[in-house]
Amino acid sequence: MLFAPAGLFLSFLILFIDHSKLSISENFPYFAWQFHVIIVTGIVATIGGFLDWRFHRKTLNMKISRKERIVEAIALGLGGLPMFFLMWFAMVSTKPFEFLIPIILVLIFTVSAICYDEFIFHKKRCGNLENLYHKMLIFGNGIAWLAWFHFIYVR
């Protein structure tokens, strides 16, 4: 699931390359500046997520409580995945404001689940290195989301 956002975003960009709302050009810089921010911060988030996963596999030997796994699955499955599709549909829609309330509701749910995970499970247990990985993952995804939101609703 770690690589799903990047893979889906790239796949959808390729599928919708001629969509007028995306403003993809044959000349540099090819995309709107927001897409460049999404690419850079998405890479940072993906690297942070991968390093955190590797840290859990190698250093902690996957010693994660069942409750923590459930909360992380809920945040990703009921928050991140629906958010991705809502944002994509809003981006290609002729009426993106119809998606605004669902996006905000899913955003509140997702941020709450992530905060719960960080404050309940990670605050006491994690050292500086693992916290760095979490910051890369959370802030990378957060900034990518803000750039995407800006592309849809402000540009």
N, C-alpha and C. Protein backbone atom coordinates (compact mmCIF):
# COMPACT_ATOMS: atom_id res chain seq x y z
N MET A 1 0.83 -1.21 0.00
CA MET A 1 0.00 0.00 0.00
C MET A 1 0.86 1.26 0.00
N LEU A 2 2.12 1.13 0.40
CA LEU A 2 3.01 2.28 0.48
C LEU A 2 3.19 2.97 -0.87
N PHE A 3 3.26 2.18 -1.92
CA PHE A 3 3.51 2.74 -3.25
C PHE A 3 2.23 3.02 -4.03
N ALA A 4 1.08 2.72 -3.45
CA ALA A 4 -0.20 2.91 -4.14
C ALA A 4 -0.46 4.36 -4.55
N PRO A 5 -0.28 5.35 -3.66
CA PRO A 5 -0.57 6.73 -4.10
C PRO A 5 0.26 7.17 -5.30
N ALA A 6 1.56 6.89 -5.25
CA ALA A 6 2.43 7.29 -6.36
C ALA A 6 2.06 6.55 -7.64
N GLY A 7 1.83 5.26 -7.52
CA GLY A 7 1.46 4.45 -8.69
C GLY A 7 0.14 4.87 -9.29
N LEU A 8 -0.86 5.10 -8.42
CA LEU A 8 -2.17 5.53 -8.90
C LEU A 8 -2.10 6.91 -9.55
N PHE A 9 -1.38 7.83 -8.90
CA PHE A 9 -1.29 9.19 -9.43
C PHE A 9 -0.64 9.18 -10.82
N LEU A 10 0.47 8.46 -10.94
CA LEU A 10 1.15 8.38 -12.23
C LEU A 10 0.28 7.68 -13.27
N SER A 11 -0.37 6.60 -12.90
CA SER A 11 -1.24 5.88 -13.83
C SER A 11 -2.39 6.75 -14.31
N PHE A 12 -3.02 7.47 -13.38
CA PHE A 12 -4.13 8.34 -13.77
C PHE A 12 -3.66 9.51 -14.63
N LEU A 13 -2.47 10.04 -14.33
CA LEU A 13 -1.94 11.11 -15.18
C LEU A 13 -1.75 10.62 -16.61
N ILE A 14 -1.26 9.40 -16.75
CA ILE A 14 -1.06 8.83 -18.09
C ILE A 14 -2.41 8.59 -18.76
N LEU A 15 -3.37 8.05 -18.02
CA LEU A 15 -4.70 7.78 -18.59
C LEU A 15 -5.43 9.06 -19.00
N PHE A 16 -5.24 10.13 -18.22
CA PHE A 16 -5.95 11.38 -18.46
C PHE A 16 -5.05 12.46 -19.06
N ILE A 17 -4.00 12.06 -19.75
CA ILE A 17 -3.00 13.01 -20.24
C ILE A 17 -3.60 14.11 -21.12
N ASP A 18 -4.66 13.81 -21.83
CA ASP A 18 -5.28 14.80 -22.72
C ASP A 18 -6.42 15.58 -22.07
N HIS A 19 -6.68 15.32 -20.81
CA HIS A 19 -7.78 16.02 -20.12
C HIS A 19 -7.43 17.50 -19.98
N SER A 20 -8.34 18.35 -20.38
CA SER A 20 -8.07 19.80 -20.41
C SER A 20 -7.83 20.39 -19.02
N LYS A 21 -8.44 19.85 -18.00
CA LYS A 21 -8.26 20.39 -16.64
C LYS A 21 -6.86 20.18 -16.09
N LEU A 22 -6.12 19.19 -16.62
CA LEU A 22 -4.79 18.91 -16.11
C LEU A 22 -3.73 19.84 -16.70
N SER A 23 -4.02 20.45 -17.82
CA SER A 23 -3.09 21.39 -18.46
C SER A 23 -1.69 20.82 -18.64
N ILE A 24 -1.61 19.58 -19.12
CA ILE A 24 -0.31 18.96 -19.36
C ILE A 24 0.18 19.42 -20.73
N SER A 25 1.42 19.88 -20.76
CA SER A 25 2.01 20.46 -21.97
C SER A 25 3.13 19.58 -22.50
N GLU A 26 3.44 19.73 -23.78
CA GLU A 26 4.57 19.01 -24.37
C GLU A 26 5.88 19.75 -24.10
N ASN A 27 5.80 20.97 -23.62
CA ASN A 27 6.99 21.79 -23.36
C ASN A 27 7.23 21.90 -21.86
N PHE A 28 8.53 22.07 -21.53
CA PHE A 28 8.89 22.25 -20.13
C PHE A 28 8.20 23.49 -19.59
N PRO A 29 7.63 23.48 -18.43
CA PRO A 29 7.74 22.53 -17.32
C PRO A 29 6.71 21.40 -17.35
N TYR A 30 6.00 21.19 -18.43
CA TYR A 30 5.07 20.09 -18.66
C TYR A 30 3.82 20.14 -17.79
N PHE A 31 3.97 20.36 -16.50
CA PHE A 31 2.84 20.36 -15.57
C PHE A 31 2.77 21.70 -14.85
N ALA A 32 1.65 21.90 -14.18
CA ALA A 32 1.52 23.06 -13.29
C ALA A 32 2.50 22.89 -12.13
N TRP A 33 2.88 24.00 -11.51
CA TRP A 33 3.87 23.95 -10.43
C TRP A 33 3.41 23.05 -9.28
N GLN A 34 2.10 22.96 -9.07
CA GLN A 34 1.59 22.12 -7.98
C GLN A 34 1.96 20.65 -8.19
N PHE A 35 1.97 20.20 -9.44
CA PHE A 35 2.34 18.81 -9.71
C PHE A 35 3.81 18.56 -9.40
N HIS A 36 4.65 19.56 -9.63
CA HIS A 36 6.07 19.41 -9.29
C HIS A 36 6.24 19.29 -7.78
N VAL A 37 5.46 20.07 -7.03
CA VAL A 37 5.50 19.97 -5.56
C VAL A 37 5.00 18.60 -5.13
N ILE A 38 3.93 18.13 -5.75
CA ILE A 38 3.38 16.80 -5.42
C ILE A 38 4.43 15.72 -5.67
N ILE A 39 5.13 15.82 -6.79
CA ILE A 39 6.15 14.81 -7.12
C ILE A 39 7.27 14.81 -6.08
N VAL A 40 7.81 15.99 -5.77
CA VAL A 40 8.94 16.06 -4.83
C VAL A 40 8.52 15.62 -3.43
N THR A 41 7.43 16.18 -2.91
CA THR A 41 7.01 15.84 -1.55
C THR A 41 6.46 14.42 -1.47
N GLY A 42 5.87 13.94 -2.56
CA GLY A 42 5.41 12.55 -2.60
C GLY A 42 6.58 11.58 -2.54
N ILE A 43 7.67 11.93 -3.22
CA ILE A 43 8.88 11.09 -3.15
C ILE A 43 9.43 11.09 -1.73
N VAL A 44 9.48 12.25 -1.09
CA VAL A 44 9.96 12.34 0.30
C VAL A 44 9.08 11.47 1.21
N ALA A 45 7.76 11.57 1.04
CA ALA A 45 6.84 10.79 1.87
C ALA A 45 7.02 9.29 1.64
N THR A 46 7.17 8.90 0.38
CA THR A 46 7.33 7.48 0.06
C THR A 46 8.65 6.94 0.63
N ILE A 47 9.70 7.71 0.52
CA ILE A 47 10.99 7.30 1.10
C ILE A 47 10.87 7.17 2.62
N GLY A 48 10.23 8.16 3.25
CA GLY A 48 10.03 8.09 4.71
C GLY A 48 9.21 6.88 5.11
N GLY A 49 8.16 6.59 4.36
CA GLY A 49 7.34 5.41 4.65
C GLY A 49 8.10 4.12 4.46
N PHE A 50 8.90 4.04 3.40
CA PHE A 50 9.70 2.85 3.15
C PHE A 50 10.74 2.66 4.26
N LEU A 51 11.44 3.75 4.63
CA LEU A 51 12.45 3.64 5.69
C LEU A 51 11.82 3.25 7.02
N ASP A 52 10.63 3.76 7.30
CA ASP A 52 9.93 3.40 8.53
C ASP A 52 9.54 1.92 8.49
N TRP A 53 9.03 1.47 7.36
CA TRP A 53 8.68 0.06 7.21
C TRP A 53 9.91 -0.83 7.40
N ARG A 54 11.03 -0.44 6.76
CA ARG A 54 12.27 -1.21 6.89
C ARG A 54 12.76 -1.22 8.34
N PHE A 55 12.64 -0.07 9.00
CA PHE A 55 13.03 0.04 10.41
C PHE A 55 12.21 -0.95 11.25
N HIS A 56 10.91 -1.01 10.99
CA HIS A 56 10.04 -1.94 11.73
C HIS A 56 10.41 -3.39 11.43
N ARG A 57 10.75 -3.68 10.18
CA ARG A 57 11.11 -5.05 9.79
C ARG A 57 12.45 -5.47 10.38
N LYS A 58 13.47 -4.64 10.21
CA LYS A 58 14.84 -5.02 10.58
C LYS A 58 15.13 -4.80 12.06
N THR A 59 14.80 -3.62 12.56
CA THR A 59 15.17 -3.24 13.93
C THR A 59 14.17 -3.76 14.96
N LEU A 60 12.89 -3.59 14.68
CA LEU A 60 11.88 -3.97 15.66
C LEU A 60 11.34 -5.38 15.44
N ASN A 61 11.74 -6.02 14.36
CA ASN A 61 11.24 -7.36 14.03
C ASN A 61 9.72 -7.41 14.01
N MET A 62 9.11 -6.33 13.49
CA MET A 62 7.65 -6.21 13.33
C MET A 62 6.89 -6.32 14.65
N LYS A 63 7.49 -5.87 15.73
CA LYS A 63 6.82 -5.89 17.03
C LYS A 63 5.90 -4.67 17.13
N ILE A 64 4.77 -4.77 16.48
CA ILE A 64 3.77 -3.71 16.50
C ILE A 64 2.49 -4.33 17.03
N SER A 65 1.83 -3.62 17.92
CA SER A 65 0.61 -4.18 18.50
C SER A 65 -0.49 -4.29 17.45
N ARG A 66 -1.41 -5.18 17.73
CA ARG A 66 -2.55 -5.39 16.84
C ARG A 66 -3.37 -4.10 16.72
N LYS A 67 -3.54 -3.40 17.84
CA LYS A 67 -4.31 -2.15 17.83
C LYS A 67 -3.66 -1.11 16.92
N GLU A 68 -2.33 -1.02 16.98
CA GLU A 68 -1.62 -0.05 16.14
C GLU A 68 -1.80 -0.40 14.66
N ARG A 69 -1.71 -1.65 14.31
CA ARG A 69 -1.91 -2.06 12.91
C ARG A 69 -3.31 -1.73 12.44
N ILE A 70 -4.29 -1.94 13.31
CA ILE A 70 -5.68 -1.65 12.95
C ILE A 70 -5.85 -0.15 12.71
N VAL A 71 -5.31 0.68 13.60
CA VAL A 71 -5.44 2.14 13.44
C VAL A 71 -4.76 2.60 12.16
N GLU A 72 -3.58 2.07 11.86
CA GLU A 72 -2.88 2.46 10.64
C GLU A 72 -3.65 2.00 9.40
N ALA A 73 -4.23 0.81 9.45
CA ALA A 73 -5.03 0.32 8.32
C ALA A 73 -6.29 1.17 8.12
N ILE A 74 -6.90 1.57 9.23
CA ILE A 74 -8.08 2.44 9.14
C ILE A 74 -7.71 3.78 8.53
N ALA A 75 -6.60 4.36 8.99
CA ALA A 75 -6.16 5.66 8.46
C ALA A 75 -5.91 5.58 6.96
N LEU A 76 -5.29 4.50 6.53
CA LEU A 76 -4.97 4.36 5.11
C LEU A 76 -6.19 3.92 4.30
N GLY A 77 -6.87 2.89 4.76
CA GLY A 77 -7.98 2.32 3.99
C GLY A 77 -9.24 3.14 3.99
N LEU A 78 -9.58 3.74 5.13
CA LEU A 78 -10.82 4.53 5.21
C LEU A 78 -10.56 6.02 5.09
N GLY A 79 -9.28 6.41 5.09
CA GLY A 79 -8.94 7.83 4.97
C GLY A 79 -8.18 8.13 3.70
N GLY A 80 -6.98 7.58 3.60
CA GLY A 80 -6.10 7.91 2.48
C GLY A 80 -6.63 7.49 1.12
N LEU A 81 -7.15 6.27 1.02
CA LEU A 81 -7.64 5.79 -0.27
C LEU A 81 -8.87 6.56 -0.75
N PRO A 82 -9.90 6.70 0.09
CA PRO A 82 -11.04 7.52 -0.36
C PRO A 82 -10.64 8.96 -0.68
N MET A 83 -9.69 9.51 0.10
CA MET A 83 -9.23 10.88 -0.17
C MET A 83 -8.62 10.97 -1.55
N PHE A 84 -7.78 10.00 -1.89
CA PHE A 84 -7.14 10.01 -3.20
C PHE A 84 -8.19 10.06 -4.31
N PHE A 85 -9.19 9.20 -4.25
CA PHE A 85 -10.19 9.15 -5.31
C PHE A 85 -11.07 10.39 -5.31
N LEU A 86 -11.44 10.90 -4.14
CA LEU A 86 -12.21 12.15 -4.10
C LEU A 86 -11.44 13.30 -4.74
N MET A 87 -10.16 13.39 -4.41
CA MET A 87 -9.33 14.46 -4.98
C MET A 87 -9.21 14.28 -6.49
N TRP A 88 -9.02 13.07 -6.95
CA TRP A 88 -8.90 12.86 -8.39
C TRP A 88 -10.19 13.22 -9.11
N PHE A 89 -11.33 12.75 -8.59
CA PHE A 89 -12.61 13.07 -9.22
C PHE A 89 -12.88 14.57 -9.20
N ALA A 90 -12.52 15.24 -8.12
CA ALA A 90 -12.68 16.70 -8.06
C ALA A 90 -11.80 17.38 -9.10
N MET A 91 -10.59 16.86 -9.28
CA MET A 91 -9.65 17.49 -10.21
C MET A 91 -10.14 17.41 -11.66
N VAL A 92 -10.75 16.32 -12.04
CA VAL A 92 -11.19 16.17 -13.43
C VAL A 92 -12.65 16.56 -13.63
N SER A 93 -13.32 16.92 -12.56
CA SER A 93 -14.73 17.28 -12.63
C SER A 93 -14.92 18.71 -13.14
N THR A 94 -16.05 18.93 -13.79
CA THR A 94 -16.40 20.29 -14.19
C THR A 94 -16.98 21.07 -13.01
N LYS A 95 -17.37 20.36 -11.95
CA LYS A 95 -17.91 20.98 -10.74
C LYS A 95 -17.17 20.45 -9.51
N PRO A 96 -15.91 20.85 -9.33
CA PRO A 96 -15.12 20.29 -8.21
C PRO A 96 -15.67 20.65 -6.84
N PHE A 97 -16.44 21.73 -6.73
CA PHE A 97 -16.95 22.12 -5.41
C PHE A 97 -17.98 21.13 -4.87
N GLU A 98 -18.52 20.28 -5.73
CA GLU A 98 -19.42 19.23 -5.25
C GLU A 98 -18.67 18.19 -4.41
N PHE A 99 -17.37 18.14 -4.54
CA PHE A 99 -16.55 17.18 -3.79
C PHE A 99 -15.95 17.80 -2.53
N LEU A 100 -16.13 19.09 -2.33
CA LEU A 100 -15.44 19.79 -1.24
C LEU A 100 -15.84 19.28 0.15
N ILE A 101 -17.12 19.15 0.43
CA ILE A 101 -17.56 18.68 1.75
C ILE A 101 -17.07 17.25 2.02
N PRO A 102 -17.25 16.30 1.08
CA PRO A 102 -16.70 14.96 1.34
C PRO A 102 -15.19 14.98 1.55
N ILE A 103 -14.47 15.79 0.80
CA ILE A 103 -13.01 15.88 0.97
C ILE A 103 -12.66 16.37 2.36
N ILE A 104 -13.34 17.41 2.82
CA ILE A 104 -13.06 17.96 4.16
C ILE A 104 -13.41 16.93 5.24
N LEU A 105 -14.52 16.22 5.09
CA LEU A 105 -14.90 15.21 6.08
C LEU A 105 -13.87 14.08 6.14
N VAL A 106 -13.44 13.60 4.98
CA VAL A 106 -12.42 12.53 4.95
C VAL A 106 -11.10 13.06 5.49
N LEU A 107 -10.79 14.32 5.20
CA LEU A 107 -9.56 14.93 5.73
C LEU A 107 -9.58 14.95 7.26
N ILE A 108 -10.68 15.37 7.85
CA ILE A 108 -10.79 15.42 9.31
C ILE A 108 -10.62 14.01 9.89
N PHE A 109 -11.29 13.03 9.29
CA PHE A 109 -11.18 11.65 9.76
C PHE A 109 -9.74 11.15 9.67
N THR A 110 -9.10 11.39 8.52
CA THR A 110 -7.75 10.89 8.28
C THR A 110 -6.74 11.53 9.24
N VAL A 111 -6.82 12.83 9.40
CA VAL A 111 -5.91 13.53 10.31
C VAL A 111 -6.13 13.05 11.74
N SER A 112 -7.37 12.83 12.13
CA SER A 112 -7.65 12.31 13.47
C SER A 112 -7.04 10.93 13.67
N ALA A 113 -7.17 10.06 12.68
CA ALA A 113 -6.61 8.71 12.78
C ALA A 113 -5.08 8.75 12.84
N ILE A 114 -4.47 9.62 12.04
CA ILE A 114 -3.01 9.74 12.05
C ILE A 114 -2.53 10.30 13.39
N CYS A 115 -3.22 11.32 13.90
CA CYS A 115 -2.84 11.89 15.21
C CYS A 115 -2.99 10.85 16.31
N TYR A 116 -4.07 10.09 16.29
CA TYR A 116 -4.26 9.05 17.28
C TYR A 116 -3.10 8.06 17.23
N ASP A 117 -2.75 7.62 16.02
CA ASP A 117 -1.64 6.68 15.85
C ASP A 117 -0.34 7.27 16.39
N GLU A 118 -0.06 8.51 16.05
CA GLU A 118 1.20 9.13 16.46
C GLU A 118 1.25 9.37 17.98
N PHE A 119 0.17 9.88 18.56
CA PHE A 119 0.19 10.26 19.97
C PHE A 119 -0.01 9.07 20.91
N ILE A 120 -0.74 8.06 20.48
CA ILE A 120 -0.99 6.91 21.34
C ILE A 120 0.11 5.86 21.22
N PHE A 121 0.53 5.55 20.00
CA PHE A 121 1.46 4.45 19.80
C PHE A 121 2.91 4.88 19.62
N HIS A 122 3.14 6.02 18.99
CA HIS A 122 4.50 6.37 18.62
C HIS A 122 5.20 7.35 19.57
N LYS A 123 4.47 8.15 20.26
CA LYS A 123 5.07 9.21 21.06
C LYS A 123 6.06 8.67 22.09
N LYS A 124 5.70 7.62 22.79
CA LYS A 124 6.55 7.08 23.85
C LYS A 124 7.61 6.12 23.32
N ARG A 125 7.27 5.38 22.28
CA ARG A 125 8.12 4.29 21.83
C ARG A 125 9.22 4.71 20.86
N CYS A 126 8.96 5.67 20.02
CA CYS A 126 9.86 5.97 18.90
C CYS A 126 11.03 6.85 19.31
N GLY A 127 12.17 6.54 18.72
CA GLY A 127 13.36 7.36 18.90
C GLY A 127 13.43 8.43 17.82
N ASN A 128 14.53 9.16 17.81
CA ASN A 128 14.70 10.26 16.86
C ASN A 128 14.67 9.81 15.41
N LEU A 129 15.31 8.70 15.10
CA LEU A 129 15.37 8.23 13.72
C LEU A 129 13.98 7.85 13.20
N GLU A 130 13.25 7.08 13.98
CA GLU A 130 11.91 6.68 13.56
C GLU A 130 10.98 7.89 13.47
N ASN A 131 11.12 8.83 14.39
CA ASN A 131 10.32 10.06 14.31
C ASN A 131 10.63 10.84 13.04
N LEU A 132 11.88 10.85 12.61
CA LEU A 132 12.25 11.51 11.35
C LEU A 132 11.51 10.85 10.18
N TYR A 133 11.47 9.53 10.16
CA TYR A 133 10.75 8.82 9.10
C TYR A 133 9.27 9.18 9.10
N HIS A 134 8.69 9.26 10.30
CA HIS A 134 7.27 9.63 10.40
C HIS A 134 7.04 11.05 9.91
N LYS A 135 7.94 11.96 10.26
CA LYS A 135 7.80 13.35 9.79
C LYS A 135 7.90 13.42 8.27
N MET A 136 8.83 12.66 7.69
CA MET A 136 8.94 12.64 6.23
C MET A 136 7.63 12.15 5.61
N LEU A 137 7.07 11.10 6.17
CA LEU A 137 5.84 10.52 5.65
C LEU A 137 4.66 11.47 5.82
N ILE A 138 4.48 11.99 7.01
CA ILE A 138 3.31 12.82 7.30
C ILE A 138 3.40 14.18 6.62
N PHE A 139 4.53 14.87 6.78
CA PHE A 139 4.63 16.20 6.17
C PHE A 139 4.75 16.12 4.65
N GLY A 140 5.42 15.09 4.14
CA GLY A 140 5.49 14.91 2.69
C GLY A 140 4.10 14.74 2.09
N ASN A 141 3.31 13.84 2.68
CA ASN A 141 1.94 13.63 2.20
C ASN A 141 1.08 14.87 2.41
N GLY A 142 1.26 15.53 3.56
CA GLY A 142 0.46 16.73 3.85
C GLY A 142 0.72 17.85 2.86
N ILE A 143 1.98 18.10 2.55
CA ILE A 143 2.31 19.17 1.59
C ILE A 143 1.85 18.79 0.19
N ALA A 144 2.00 17.50 -0.18
CA ALA A 144 1.51 17.05 -1.49
C ALA A 144 0.00 17.27 -1.57
N TRP A 145 -0.72 16.94 -0.49
CA TRP A 145 -2.17 17.13 -0.49
C TRP A 145 -2.52 18.61 -0.63
N LEU A 146 -1.81 19.48 0.10
CA LEU A 146 -2.09 20.92 0.00
C LEU A 146 -1.85 21.44 -1.42
N ALA A 147 -0.78 20.99 -2.06
CA ALA A 147 -0.51 21.41 -3.44
C ALA A 147 -1.61 20.92 -4.37
N TRP A 148 -2.06 19.70 -4.16
CA TRP A 148 -3.13 19.14 -5.00
C TRP A 148 -4.43 19.92 -4.77
N PHE A 149 -4.74 20.21 -3.52
CA PHE A 149 -5.92 20.99 -3.18
C PHE A 149 -5.85 22.38 -3.83
N HIS A 150 -4.68 22.99 -3.79
CA HIS A 150 -4.47 24.29 -4.42
C HIS A 150 -4.72 24.20 -5.92
N PHE A 151 -4.22 23.15 -6.55
CA PHE A 151 -4.41 22.97 -7.98
C PHE A 151 -5.90 22.88 -8.32
N ILE A 152 -6.65 22.16 -7.50
CA ILE A 152 -8.08 21.95 -7.79
C ILE A 152 -8.91 23.19 -7.49
N TYR A 153 -8.69 23.81 -6.33
CA TYR A 153 -9.63 24.82 -5.85
C TYR A 153 -9.15 26.26 -5.92
N VAL A 154 -7.87 26.50 -6.10
CA VAL A 154 -7.38 27.89 -6.08
C VAL A 154 -6.93 28.35 -7.45
N ARG A 155 -6.22 27.50 -8.15
CA ARG A 155 -5.62 27.87 -9.44
C ARG A 155 -6.60 28.50 -10.37
